[in-house]
């Protein structure tokens, strides 16, 4: 071990006076148990909202192959057909779910 390394290690072992700052900060932090109890809630809300939004979009979309033809209409920029509107609704539901996942703390 070099002299510089030894000096830095010895210096890191000395405690700095903080007048109780560390204990005040640690006292205001939420407990680890409180954070871990609800760790499952965020993924359930995101997946539930994605499933609900997509399910509603599929349930309210036209029956049959109209959804596929709606995506074809979207390729040709014809957005007024019922299938195209249903395709936009499904994509919108998934986009909102992705945004919730990205920006949720």
PDB file of N, CA and C in Angstrom:
ATOM      1  N   UNK A   1       0.849  -1.166   0.000  1.00  0.00           N
ATOM      2  CA  UNK A   1       0.000   0.000   0.000  1.00  0.00           C
ATOM      3  C   UNK A   1       0.902   1.239   0.000  1.00  0.00           C
ATOM      4  N   UNK A   2       0.571   2.204  -0.852  1.00  0.00           N
ATOM      5  CA  UNK A   2       1.397   3.404  -0.950  1.00  0.00           C
ATOM      6  C   UNK A   2       1.123   4.343   0.216  1.00  0.00           C
ATOM      7  N   UNK A   3       2.031   5.309   0.364  1.00  0.00           N
ATOM      8  CA  UNK A   3       1.880   6.275   1.457  1.00  0.00           C
ATOM      9  C   UNK A   3       0.625   7.124   1.263  1.00  0.00           C
ATOM     10  N   UNK A   4       0.345   7.497   0.051  1.00  0.00           N
ATOM     11  CA  UNK A   4      -0.849   8.307  -0.221  1.00  0.00           C
ATOM     12  C   UNK A   4      -2.116   7.521   0.103  1.00  0.00           C
ATOM     13  N   UNK A   5      -2.138   6.261  -0.274  1.00  0.00           N
ATOM     14  CA  UNK A   5      -3.293   5.416   0.020  1.00  0.00           C
ATOM     15  C   UNK A   5      -3.493   5.276   1.525  1.00  0.00           C
ATOM     16  N   UNK A   6      -2.418   5.081   2.250  1.00  0.00           N
ATOM     17  CA  UNK A   6      -2.484   4.947   3.703  1.00  0.00           C
ATOM     18  C   UNK A   6      -2.978   6.247   4.339  1.00  0.00           C
ATOM     19  N   UNK A   7      -2.493   7.388   3.850  1.00  0.00           N
ATOM     20  CA  UNK A   7      -2.932   8.675   4.380  1.00  0.00           C
ATOM     21  C   UNK A   7      -4.421   8.909   4.136  1.00  0.00           C
ATOM     22  N   UNK A   8      -4.876   8.575   2.938  1.00  0.00           N
ATOM     23  CA  UNK A   8      -6.293   8.769   2.618  1.00  0.00           C
ATOM     24  C   UNK A   8      -7.184   7.845   3.441  1.00  0.00           C
ATOM     25  N   UNK A   9      -6.770   6.616   3.659  1.00  0.00           N
ATOM     26  CA  UNK A   9      -7.559   5.693   4.468  1.00  0.00           C
ATOM     27  C   UNK A   9      -7.637   6.152   5.928  1.00  0.00           C
ATOM     28  N   UNK A  10      -6.524   6.617   6.459  1.00  0.00           N
ATOM     29  CA  UNK A  10      -6.530   7.107   7.839  1.00  0.00           C
ATOM     30  C   UNK A  10      -7.395   8.357   7.969  1.00  0.00           C
ATOM     31  N   UNK A  11      -7.345   9.223   6.984  1.00  0.00           N
ATOM     32  CA  UNK A  11      -8.156  10.435   7.018  1.00  0.00           C
ATOM     33  C   UNK A  11      -9.641  10.113   6.914  1.00  0.00           C
ATOM     34  N   UNK A  12      -9.993   9.081   6.153  1.00  0.00           N
ATOM     35  CA  UNK A  12     -11.400   8.704   5.997  1.00  0.00           C
ATOM     36  C   UNK A  12     -11.969   8.105   7.271  1.00  0.00           C
ATOM     37  N   UNK A  13     -11.128   7.575   8.147  1.00  0.00           N
ATOM     38  CA  UNK A  13     -11.609   6.972   9.394  1.00  0.00           C
ATOM     39  C   UNK A  13     -11.953   8.004  10.466  1.00  0.00           C
ATOM     40  N   UNK A  14     -11.421   9.209  10.357  1.00  0.00           N
ATOM     41  CA  UNK A  14     -11.698  10.223  11.375  1.00  0.00           C
ATOM     42  C   UNK A  14     -13.104  10.768  11.181  1.00  0.00           C
ATOM     43  N   UNK A  15     -13.787  10.955  12.300  1.00  0.00           N
ATOM     44  CA  UNK A  15     -15.161  11.454  12.248  1.00  0.00           C
ATOM     45  C   UNK A  15     -15.166  12.977  12.216  1.00  0.00           C
ATOM     46  N   UNK A  16     -16.073  13.527  11.459  1.00  0.00           N
ATOM     47  CA  UNK A  16     -16.222  14.972  11.381  1.00  0.00           C
ATOM     48  C   UNK A  16     -17.353  15.406  12.304  1.00  0.00           C
ATOM     49  N   UNK A  17     -17.179  16.486  13.041  1.00  0.00           N
ATOM     50  CA  UNK A  17     -18.273  16.963  13.897  1.00  0.00           C
ATOM     51  C   UNK A  17     -19.391  17.544  13.046  1.00  0.00           C
ATOM     52  N   UNK A  18     -20.623  17.079  13.280  1.00  0.00           N
ATOM     53  CA  UNK A  18     -21.746  17.584  12.479  1.00  0.00           C
ATOM     54  C   UNK A  18     -22.869  18.157  13.324  1.00  0.00           C
ATOM     55  N   UNK A  19     -22.661  18.267  14.630  1.00  0.00           N
ATOM     56  CA  UNK A  19     -23.635  18.859  15.553  1.00  0.00           C
ATOM     57  C   UNK A  19     -25.017  18.217  15.435  1.00  0.00           C
ATOM     58  N   UNK A  20     -25.071  16.909  15.246  1.00  0.00           N
ATOM     59  CA  UNK A  20     -26.345  16.195  15.193  1.00  0.00           C
ATOM     60  C   UNK A  20     -27.037  16.235  13.840  1.00  0.00           C
ATOM     61  N   UNK A  21     -26.363  16.750  12.800  1.00  0.00           N
ATOM     62  CA  UNK A  21     -26.978  16.850  11.473  1.00  0.00           C
ATOM     63  C   UNK A  21     -27.350  15.478  10.921  1.00  0.00           C
ATOM     64  N   UNK A  22     -26.458  14.523  11.046  1.00  0.00           N
ATOM     65  CA  UNK A  22     -26.709  13.187  10.508  1.00  0.00           C
ATOM     66  C   UNK A  22     -27.920  12.549  11.163  1.00  0.00           C
ATOM     67  N   UNK A  23     -28.020  12.666  12.471  1.00  0.00           N
ATOM     68  CA  UNK A  23     -29.161  12.050  13.157  1.00  0.00           C
ATOM     69  C   UNK A  23     -30.471  12.755  12.796  1.00  0.00           C
ATOM     70  N   UNK A  24     -30.441  14.076  12.583  1.00  0.00           N
ATOM     71  CA  UNK A  24     -31.661  14.780  12.171  1.00  0.00           C
ATOM     72  C   UNK A  24     -32.102  14.350  10.781  1.00  0.00           C
ATOM     73  N   UNK A  25     -31.159  14.214   9.863  1.00  0.00           N
ATOM     74  CA  UNK A  25     -31.499  13.785   8.502  1.00  0.00           C
ATOM     75  C   UNK A  25     -32.039  12.364   8.513  1.00  0.00           C
ATOM     76  N   UNK A  26     -31.380  11.467   9.208  1.00  0.00           N
ATOM     77  CA  UNK A  26     -31.845  10.080   9.267  1.00  0.00           C
ATOM     78  C   UNK A  26     -33.194   9.969   9.965  1.00  0.00           C
ATOM     79  N   UNK A  27     -33.488  10.882  10.886  1.00  0.00           N
ATOM     80  CA  UNK A  27     -34.779  10.864  11.565  1.00  0.00           C
ATOM     81  C   UNK A  27     -35.930  11.305  10.682  1.00  0.00           C
ATOM     82  N   UNK A  28     -35.655  12.126   9.683  1.00  0.00           N
ATOM     83  CA  UNK A  28     -36.727  12.601   8.801  1.00  0.00           C
ATOM     84  C   UNK A  28     -36.986  11.669   7.611  1.00  0.00           C
ATOM     85  N   UNK A  29     -36.076  10.767   7.332  1.00  0.00           N
ATOM     86  CA  UNK A  29     -36.271   9.848   6.202  1.00  0.00           C
ATOM     87  C   UNK A  29     -37.350   8.824   6.529  1.00  0.00           C
ATOM     88  N   UNK A  30     -38.146   8.423   5.501  1.00  0.00           N
ATOM     89  CA  UNK A  30     -39.138   7.363   5.759  1.00  0.00           C
ATOM     90  C   UNK A  30     -38.431   6.035   6.002  1.00  0.00           C
ATOM     91  N   UNK A  31     -39.075   5.206   6.771  1.00  0.00           N
ATOM     92  CA  UNK A  31     -38.465   3.920   7.093  1.00  0.00           C
ATOM     93  C   UNK A  31     -38.425   3.016   5.869  1.00  0.00           C
ATOM     94  N   UNK A  32     -37.495   2.102   5.876  1.00  0.00           N
ATOM     95  CA  UNK A  32     -37.358   1.161   4.764  1.00  0.00           C
ATOM     96  C   UNK A  32     -38.590   0.270   4.685  1.00  0.00           C
ATOM     97  N   UNK A  33     -39.171  -0.042   5.811  1.00  0.00           N
ATOM     98  CA  UNK A  33     -40.360  -0.911   5.834  1.00  0.00           C
ATOM     99  C   UNK A  33     -41.540  -0.237   5.144  1.00  0.00           C
ATOM    100  N   UNK A  34     -41.708   1.078   5.353  1.00  0.00           N
ATOM    101  CA  UNK A  34     -42.833   1.797   4.733  1.00  0.00           C
ATOM    102  C   UNK A  34     -42.703   1.801   3.215  1.00  0.00           C
ATOM    103  N   UNK A  35     -41.483   1.933   2.717  1.00  0.00           N
ATOM    104  CA  UNK A  35     -41.293   1.936   1.269  1.00  0.00           C
ATOM    105  C   UNK A  35     -41.473   0.546   0.674  1.00  0.00           C
ATOM    106  N   UNK A  36     -41.050  -0.487   1.383  1.00  0.00           N
ATOM    107  CA  UNK A  36     -41.121  -1.837   0.829  1.00  0.00           C
ATOM    108  C   UNK A  36     -42.525  -2.429   0.913  1.00  0.00           C
ATOM    109  N   UNK A  37     -43.380  -1.902   1.815  1.00  0.00           N
ATOM    110  CA  UNK A  37     -44.731  -2.438   1.939  1.00  0.00           C
ATOM    111  C   UNK A  37     -45.572  -2.132   0.696  1.00  0.00           C
ATOM    112  N   UNK A  38     -45.317  -1.002   0.063  1.00  0.00           N
ATOM    113  CA  UNK A  38     -46.121  -0.613  -1.094  1.00  0.00           C
ATOM    114  C   UNK A  38     -45.338  -0.696  -2.399  1.00  0.00           C
ATOM    115  N   UNK A  39     -44.295  -1.464  -2.457  1.00  0.00           N
ATOM    116  CA  UNK A  39     -43.489  -1.570  -3.668  1.00  0.00           C
ATOM    117  C   UNK A  39     -44.273  -2.225  -4.803  1.00  0.00           C
ATOM    118  N   UNK A  40     -45.262  -3.028  -4.487  1.00  0.00           N
ATOM    119  CA  UNK A  40     -46.043  -3.741  -5.494  1.00  0.00           C
ATOM    120  C   UNK A  40     -47.128  -2.845  -6.096  1.00  0.00           C
ATOM    121  N   UNK A  41     -47.459  -1.738  -5.445  1.00  0.00           N
ATOM    122  CA  UNK A  41     -48.605  -0.934  -5.855  1.00  0.00           C
ATOM    123  C   UNK A  41     -48.394  -0.257  -7.210  1.00  0.00           C
ATOM    124  N   UNK A  42     -47.224   0.295  -7.456  1.00  0.00           N
ATOM    125  CA  UNK A  42     -46.972   1.007  -8.717  1.00  0.00           C
ATOM    126  C   UNK A  42     -47.099   0.090  -9.940  1.00  0.00           C
ATOM    127  N   UNK A  43     -46.433  -1.074  -9.958  1.00  0.00           N
ATOM    128  CA  UNK A  43     -46.597  -1.936 -11.130  1.00  0.00           C
ATOM    129  C   UNK A  43     -48.036  -2.412 -11.328  1.00  0.00           C
ATOM    130  N   UNK A  44     -48.756  -2.646 -10.238  1.00  0.00           N
ATOM    131  CA  UNK A  44     -50.141  -3.093 -10.364  1.00  0.00           C
ATOM    132  C   UNK A  44     -51.008  -1.979 -10.958  1.00  0.00           C
ATOM    133  N   UNK A  45     -50.803  -0.741 -10.515  1.00  0.00           N
ATOM    134  CA  UNK A  45     -51.580   0.374 -11.065  1.00  0.00           C
ATOM    135  C   UNK A  45     -51.276   0.607 -12.538  1.00  0.00           C
ATOM    136  N   UNK A  46     -50.016   0.534 -12.911  1.00  0.00           N
ATOM    137  CA  UNK A  46     -49.648   0.758 -14.310  1.00  0.00           C
ATOM    138  C   UNK A  46     -50.196  -0.352 -15.202  1.00  0.00           C
ATOM    139  N   UNK A  47     -49.986  -1.599 -14.797  1.00  0.00           N
ATOM    140  CA  UNK A  47     -50.468  -2.713 -15.616  1.00  0.00           C
ATOM    141  C   UNK A  47     -51.993  -2.755 -15.631  1.00  0.00           C
ATOM    142  N   UNK A  48     -52.623  -2.435 -14.500  1.00  0.00           N
ATOM    143  CA  UNK A  48     -54.083  -2.407 -14.454  1.00  0.00           C
ATOM    144  C   UNK A  48     -54.664  -1.334 -15.348  1.00  0.00           C
ATOM    145  N   UNK A  49     -54.045  -0.143 -15.342  1.00  0.00           N
ATOM    146  CA  UNK A  49     -54.558   0.918 -16.208  1.00  0.00           C
ATOM    147  C   UNK A  49     -54.321   0.589 -17.677  1.00  0.00           C
ATOM    148  N   UNK A  50     -53.211  -0.044 -17.994  1.00  0.00           N
ATOM    149  CA  UNK A  50     -52.963  -0.450 -19.381  1.00  0.00           C
ATOM    150  C   UNK A  50     -53.969  -1.503 -19.824  1.00  0.00           C
ATOM    151  N   UNK A  51     -54.230  -2.470 -18.961  1.00  0.00           N
ATOM    152  CA  UNK A  51     -55.186  -3.521 -19.309  1.00  0.00           C
ATOM    153  C   UNK A  51     -56.604  -2.971 -19.425  1.00  0.00           C
ATOM    154  N   UNK A  52     -56.981  -2.089 -18.501  1.00  0.00           N
ATOM    155  CA  UNK A  52     -58.321  -1.501 -18.548  1.00  0.00           C
ATOM    156  C   UNK A  52     -58.498  -0.621 -19.773  1.00  0.00           C
ATOM    157  N   UNK A  53     -57.530   0.220 -20.057  1.00  0.00           N
ATOM    158  CA  UNK A  53     -57.629   1.092 -21.231  1.00  0.00           C
ATOM    159  C   UNK A  53     -57.651   0.307 -22.530  1.00  0.00           C
ATOM    160  N   UNK A  54     -56.791  -0.684 -22.641  1.00  0.00           N
ATOM    161  CA  UNK A  54     -56.770  -1.500 -23.855  1.00  0.00           C
ATOM    162  C   UNK A  54     -58.040  -2.339 -23.969  1.00  0.00           C
ATOM    163  N   UNK A  55     -58.510  -2.861 -22.840  1.00  0.00           N
ATOM    164  CA  UNK A  55     -59.751  -3.646 -22.861  1.00  0.00           C
ATOM    165  C   UNK A  55     -60.947  -2.813 -23.282  1.00  0.00           C
ATOM    166  N   UNK A  56     -61.034  -1.599 -22.772  1.00  0.00           N
ATOM    167  CA  UNK A  56     -62.127  -0.713 -23.182  1.00  0.00           C
ATOM    168  C   UNK A  56     -62.020  -0.338 -24.657  1.00  0.00           C
ATOM    169  N   UNK A  57     -60.805  -0.084 -25.118  1.00  0.00           N
ATOM    170  CA  UNK A  57     -60.625   0.270 -26.522  1.00  0.00           C
ATOM    171  C   UNK A  57     -61.010  -0.896 -27.433  1.00  0.00           C
ATOM    172  N   UNK A  58     -60.643  -2.114 -27.052  1.00  0.00           N
ATOM    173  CA  UNK A  58     -61.007  -3.283 -27.857  1.00  0.00           C
ATOM    174  C   UNK A  58     -62.508  -3.540 -27.772  1.00  0.00           C
ATOM    175  N   UNK A  59     -63.087  -3.388 -26.577  1.00  0.00           N
ATOM    176  CA  UNK A  59     -64.521  -3.652 -26.416  1.00  0.00           C
ATOM    177  C   UNK A  59     -65.373  -2.652 -27.191  1.00  0.00           C
ATOM    178  N   UNK A  60     -64.920  -1.440 -27.297  1.00  0.00           N
ATOM    179  CA  UNK A  60     -65.693  -0.415 -27.995  1.00  0.00           C
ATOM    180  C   UNK A  60     -65.331  -0.281 -29.471  1.00  0.00           C
ATOM    181  N   UNK A  61     -64.379  -1.104 -29.923  1.00  0.00           N
ATOM    182  CA  UNK A  61     -63.978  -1.030 -31.330  1.00  0.00           C
ATOM    183  C   UNK A  61     -64.926  -1.852 -32.192  1.00  0.00           C
ATOM    184  N   UNK A  62     -64.919  -1.598 -33.483  1.00  0.00           N
ATOM    185  CA  UNK A  62     -65.777  -2.364 -34.393  1.00  0.00           C
ATOM    186  C   UNK A  62     -65.417  -3.849 -34.393  1.00  0.00           C
ATOM    187  N   UNK A  63     -66.383  -4.687 -34.731  1.00  0.00           N
ATOM    188  CA  UNK A  63     -66.219  -6.136 -34.703  1.00  0.00           C
ATOM    189  C   UNK A  63     -65.558  -6.601 -35.999  1.00  0.00           C
ATOM    190  N   UNK A  64     -64.811  -7.684 -35.906  1.00  0.00           N
ATOM    191  CA  UNK A  64     -64.240  -8.310 -37.091  1.00  0.00           C
ATOM    192  C   UNK A  64     -62.885  -7.735 -37.449  1.00  0.00           C
ATOM    193  N   UNK A  65     -62.621  -7.701 -38.728  1.00  0.00           N
ATOM    194  CA  UNK A  65     -61.314  -7.243 -39.208  1.00  0.00           C
ATOM    195  C   UNK A  65     -61.270  -5.735 -39.386  1.00  0.00           C
ATOM    196  N   UNK A  66     -62.261  -5.034 -38.884  1.00  0.00           N
ATOM    197  CA  UNK A  66     -62.280  -3.579 -39.044  1.00  0.00           C
ATOM    198  C   UNK A  66     -61.111  -2.919 -38.326  1.00  0.00           C
ATOM    199  N   UNK A  67     -60.628  -3.539 -37.238  1.00  0.00           N
ATOM    200  CA  UNK A  67     -59.493  -2.964 -36.527  1.00  0.00           C
ATOM    201  C   UNK A  67     -58.233  -3.040 -37.386  1.00  0.00           C
ATOM    202  N   UNK A  68     -58.035  -4.170 -38.060  1.00  0.00           N
ATOM    203  CA  UNK A  68     -56.875  -4.291 -38.954  1.00  0.00           C
ATOM    204  C   UNK A  68     -56.982  -3.321 -40.121  1.00  0.00           C
ATOM    205  N   UNK A  69     -58.162  -3.207 -40.676  1.00  0.00           N
ATOM    206  CA  UNK A  69     -58.329  -2.245 -41.764  1.00  0.00           C
ATOM    207  C   UNK A  69     -58.211  -0.813 -41.239  1.00  0.00           C
ATOM    208  N   UNK A  70     -58.534  -0.616 -39.968  1.00  0.00           N
ATOM    209  CA  UNK A  70     -58.337   0.694 -39.357  1.00  0.00           C
ATOM    210  C   UNK A  70     -56.869   1.064 -39.283  1.00  0.00           C
ATOM    211  N   UNK A  71     -56.014   0.095 -38.951  1.00  0.00           N
ATOM    212  CA  UNK A  71     -54.581   0.373 -38.955  1.00  0.00           C
ATOM    213  C   UNK A  71     -54.083   0.627 -40.379  1.00  0.00           C
ATOM    214  N   UNK A  72     -54.680  -0.048 -41.367  1.00  0.00           N
ATOM    215  CA  UNK A  72     -54.335   0.251 -42.751  1.00  0.00           C
ATOM    216  C   UNK A  72     -54.782   1.666 -43.120  1.00  0.00           C
ATOM    217  N   UNK A  73     -55.956   2.054 -42.648  1.00  0.00           N
ATOM    218  CA  UNK A  73     -56.415   3.414 -42.895  1.00  0.00           C
ATOM    219  C   UNK A  73     -55.454   4.427 -42.286  1.00  0.00           C
ATOM    220  N   UNK A  74     -54.937   4.110 -41.113  1.00  0.00           N
ATOM    221  CA  UNK A  74     -53.981   5.020 -40.484  1.00  0.00           C
ATOM    222  C   UNK A  74     -52.694   5.123 -41.292  1.00  0.00           C
ATOM    223  N   UNK A  75     -52.297   4.023 -41.952  1.00  0.00           N
ATOM    224  CA  UNK A  75     -51.117   4.082 -42.806  1.00  0.00           C
ATOM    225  C   UNK A  75     -51.317   5.068 -43.947  1.00  0.00           C
ATOM    226  N   UNK A  76     -52.537   5.141 -44.454  1.00  0.00           N
ATOM    227  CA  UNK A  76     -52.838   6.041 -45.567  1.00  0.00           C
ATOM    228  C   UNK A  76     -53.406   7.375 -45.085  1.00  0.00           C
ATOM    229  N   UNK A  77     -53.274   7.642 -43.765  1.00  0.00           N
ATOM    230  CA  UNK A  77     -53.685   8.898 -43.134  1.00  0.00           C
ATOM    231  C   UNK A  77     -55.179   9.160 -43.256  1.00  0.00           C
ATOM    232  N   UNK A  78     -55.978   8.109 -43.273  1.00  0.00           N
ATOM    233  CA  UNK A  78     -57.438   8.260 -43.218  1.00  0.00           C
ATOM    234  C   UNK A  78     -57.852   7.967 -41.783  1.00  0.00           C
ATOM    235  N   UNK A  79     -58.017   9.002 -40.995  1.00  0.00           N
ATOM    236  CA  UNK A  79     -58.244   8.824 -39.566  1.00  0.00           C
ATOM    237  C   UNK A  79     -59.712   8.846 -39.171  1.00  0.00           C
ATOM    238  N   UNK A  80     -60.610   8.950 -40.116  1.00  0.00           N
ATOM    239  CA  UNK A  80     -62.017   9.072 -39.773  1.00  0.00           C
ATOM    240  C   UNK A  80     -62.785   7.773 -39.671  1.00  0.00           C
ATOM    241  N   UNK A  81     -62.206   6.668 -40.085  1.00  0.00           N
ATOM    242  CA  UNK A  81     -62.948   5.408 -40.049  1.00  0.00           C
ATOM    243  C   UNK A  81     -63.038   4.885 -38.614  1.00  0.00           C
ATOM    244  N   UNK A  82     -64.085   4.101 -38.319  1.00  0.00           N
ATOM    245  CA  UNK A  82     -64.214   3.560 -36.949  1.00  0.00           C
ATOM    246  C   UNK A  82     -63.036   2.686 -36.549  1.00  0.00           C
ATOM    247  N   UNK A  83     -62.499   1.906 -37.463  1.00  0.00           N
ATOM    248  CA  UNK A  83     -61.336   1.067 -37.144  1.00  0.00           C
ATOM    249  C   UNK A  83     -60.101   1.902 -36.828  1.00  0.00           C
ATOM    250  N   UNK A  84     -59.929   3.008 -37.553  1.00  0.00           N
ATOM    251  CA  UNK A  84     -58.786   3.884 -37.300  1.00  0.00           C
ATOM    252  C   UNK A  84     -58.924   4.552 -35.934  1.00  0.00           C
ATOM    253  N   UNK A  85     -60.129   4.960 -35.585  1.00  0.00           N
ATOM    254  CA  UNK A  85     -60.355   5.585 -34.286  1.00  0.00           C
ATOM    255  C   UNK A  85     -60.086   4.578 -33.169  1.00  0.00           C
ATOM    256  N   UNK A  86     -60.510   3.327 -33.367  1.00  0.00           N
ATOM    257  CA  UNK A  86     -60.247   2.287 -32.360  1.00  0.00           C
ATOM    258  C   UNK A  86     -58.748   2.028 -32.231  1.00  0.00           C
ATOM    259  N   UNK A  87     -58.035   2.011 -33.343  1.00  0.00           N
ATOM    260  CA  UNK A  87     -56.580   1.824 -33.304  1.00  0.00           C
ATOM    261  C   UNK A  87     -55.888   2.963 -32.568  1.00  0.00           C
ATOM    262  N   UNK A  88     -56.336   4.180 -32.816  1.00  0.00           N
ATOM    263  CA  UNK A  88     -55.781   5.330 -32.112  1.00  0.00           C
ATOM    264  C   UNK A  88     -56.081   5.235 -30.617  1.00  0.00           C
ATOM    265  N   UNK A  89     -57.279   4.762 -30.275  1.00  0.00           N
ATOM    266  CA  UNK A  89     -57.643   4.636 -28.860  1.00  0.00           C
ATOM    267  C   UNK A  89     -56.776   3.598 -28.156  1.00  0.00           C
ATOM    268  N   UNK A  90     -56.514   2.485 -28.804  1.00  0.00           N
ATOM    269  CA  UNK A  90     -55.662   1.456 -28.200  1.00  0.00           C
ATOM    270  C   UNK A  90     -54.241   1.970 -28.021  1.00  0.00           C
ATOM    271  N   UNK A  91     -53.724   2.627 -29.055  1.00  0.00           N
ATOM    272  CA  UNK A  91     -52.370   3.186 -28.948  1.00  0.00           C
ATOM    273  C   UNK A  91     -52.314   4.278 -27.883  1.00  0.00           C
ATOM    274  N   UNK A  92     -53.364   5.063 -27.769  1.00  0.00           N
ATOM    275  CA  UNK A  92     -53.407   6.102 -26.745  1.00  0.00           C
ATOM    276  C   UNK A  92     -53.420   5.527 -25.348  1.00  0.00           C
ATOM    277  N   UNK A  93     -54.168   4.445 -25.150  1.00  0.00           N
ATOM    278  CA  UNK A  93     -54.203   3.816 -23.821  1.00  0.00           C
ATOM    279  C   UNK A  93     -52.832   3.281 -23.439  1.00  0.00           C
ATOM    280  N   UNK A  94     -52.140   2.679 -24.379  1.00  0.00           N
ATOM    281  CA  UNK A  94     -50.808   2.177 -24.086  1.00  0.00           C
ATOM    282  C   UNK A  94     -49.810   3.311 -23.878  1.00  0.00           C
ATOM    283  N   UNK A  95     -49.969   4.413 -24.611  1.00  0.00           N
ATOM    284  CA  UNK A  95     -49.087   5.565 -24.435  1.00  0.00           C
ATOM    285  C   UNK A  95     -49.276   6.193 -23.058  1.00  0.00           C
ATOM    286  N   UNK A  96     -50.512   6.343 -22.631  1.00  0.00           N
ATOM    287  CA  UNK A  96     -50.773   6.906 -21.299  1.00  0.00           C
ATOM    288  C   UNK A  96     -50.189   6.005 -20.217  1.00  0.00           C
ATOM    289  N   UNK A  97     -50.311   4.709 -20.380  1.00  0.00           N
ATOM    290  CA  UNK A  97     -49.737   3.789 -19.403  1.00  0.00           C
ATOM    291  C   UNK A  97     -48.218   3.906 -19.364  1.00  0.00           C
ATOM    292  N   UNK A  98     -47.600   4.055 -20.526  1.00  0.00           N
ATOM    293  CA  UNK A  98     -46.149   4.218 -20.569  1.00  0.00           C
ATOM    294  C   UNK A  98     -45.726   5.527 -19.914  1.00  0.00           C
ATOM    295  N   UNK A  99     -46.497   6.595 -20.117  1.00  0.00           N
ATOM    296  CA  UNK A  99     -46.171   7.879 -19.496  1.00  0.00           C
ATOM    297  C   UNK A  99     -46.318   7.810 -17.975  1.00  0.00           C
ATOM    298  N   UNK A 100     -47.351   7.116 -17.506  1.00  0.00           N
ATOM    299  CA  UNK A 100     -47.514   6.947 -16.055  1.00  0.00           C
ATOM    300  C   UNK A 100     -46.315   6.194 -15.486  1.00  0.00           C
ATOM    301  N   UNK A 101     -45.882   5.180 -16.169  1.00  0.00           N
ATOM    302  CA  UNK A 101     -44.736   4.397 -15.706  1.00  0.00           C
ATOM    303  C   UNK A 101     -43.466   5.227 -15.722  1.00  0.00           C
ATOM    304  N   UNK A 102     -43.303   6.068 -16.740  1.00  0.00           N
ATOM    305  CA  UNK A 102     -42.069   6.836 -16.869  1.00  0.00           C
ATOM    306  C   UNK A 102     -41.984   7.967 -15.855  1.00  0.00           C
ATOM    307  N   UNK A 103     -43.083   8.612 -15.556  1.00  0.00           N
ATOM    308  CA  UNK A 103     -43.034   9.808 -14.712  1.00  0.00           C
ATOM    309  C   UNK A 103     -43.490   9.590 -13.280  1.00  0.00           C
ATOM    310  N   UNK A 104     -43.923   8.405 -12.926  1.00  0.00           N
ATOM    311  CA  UNK A 104     -44.327   8.125 -11.552  1.00  0.00           C
ATOM    312  C   UNK A 104     -43.078   7.990 -10.690  1.00  0.00           C
ATOM    313  N   UNK A 105     -43.108   8.567  -9.514  1.00  0.00           N
ATOM    314  CA  UNK A 105     -41.940   8.507  -8.621  1.00  0.00           C
ATOM    315  C   UNK A 105     -41.924   7.218  -7.840  1.00  0.00           C
TER     316      UNK A 105
END
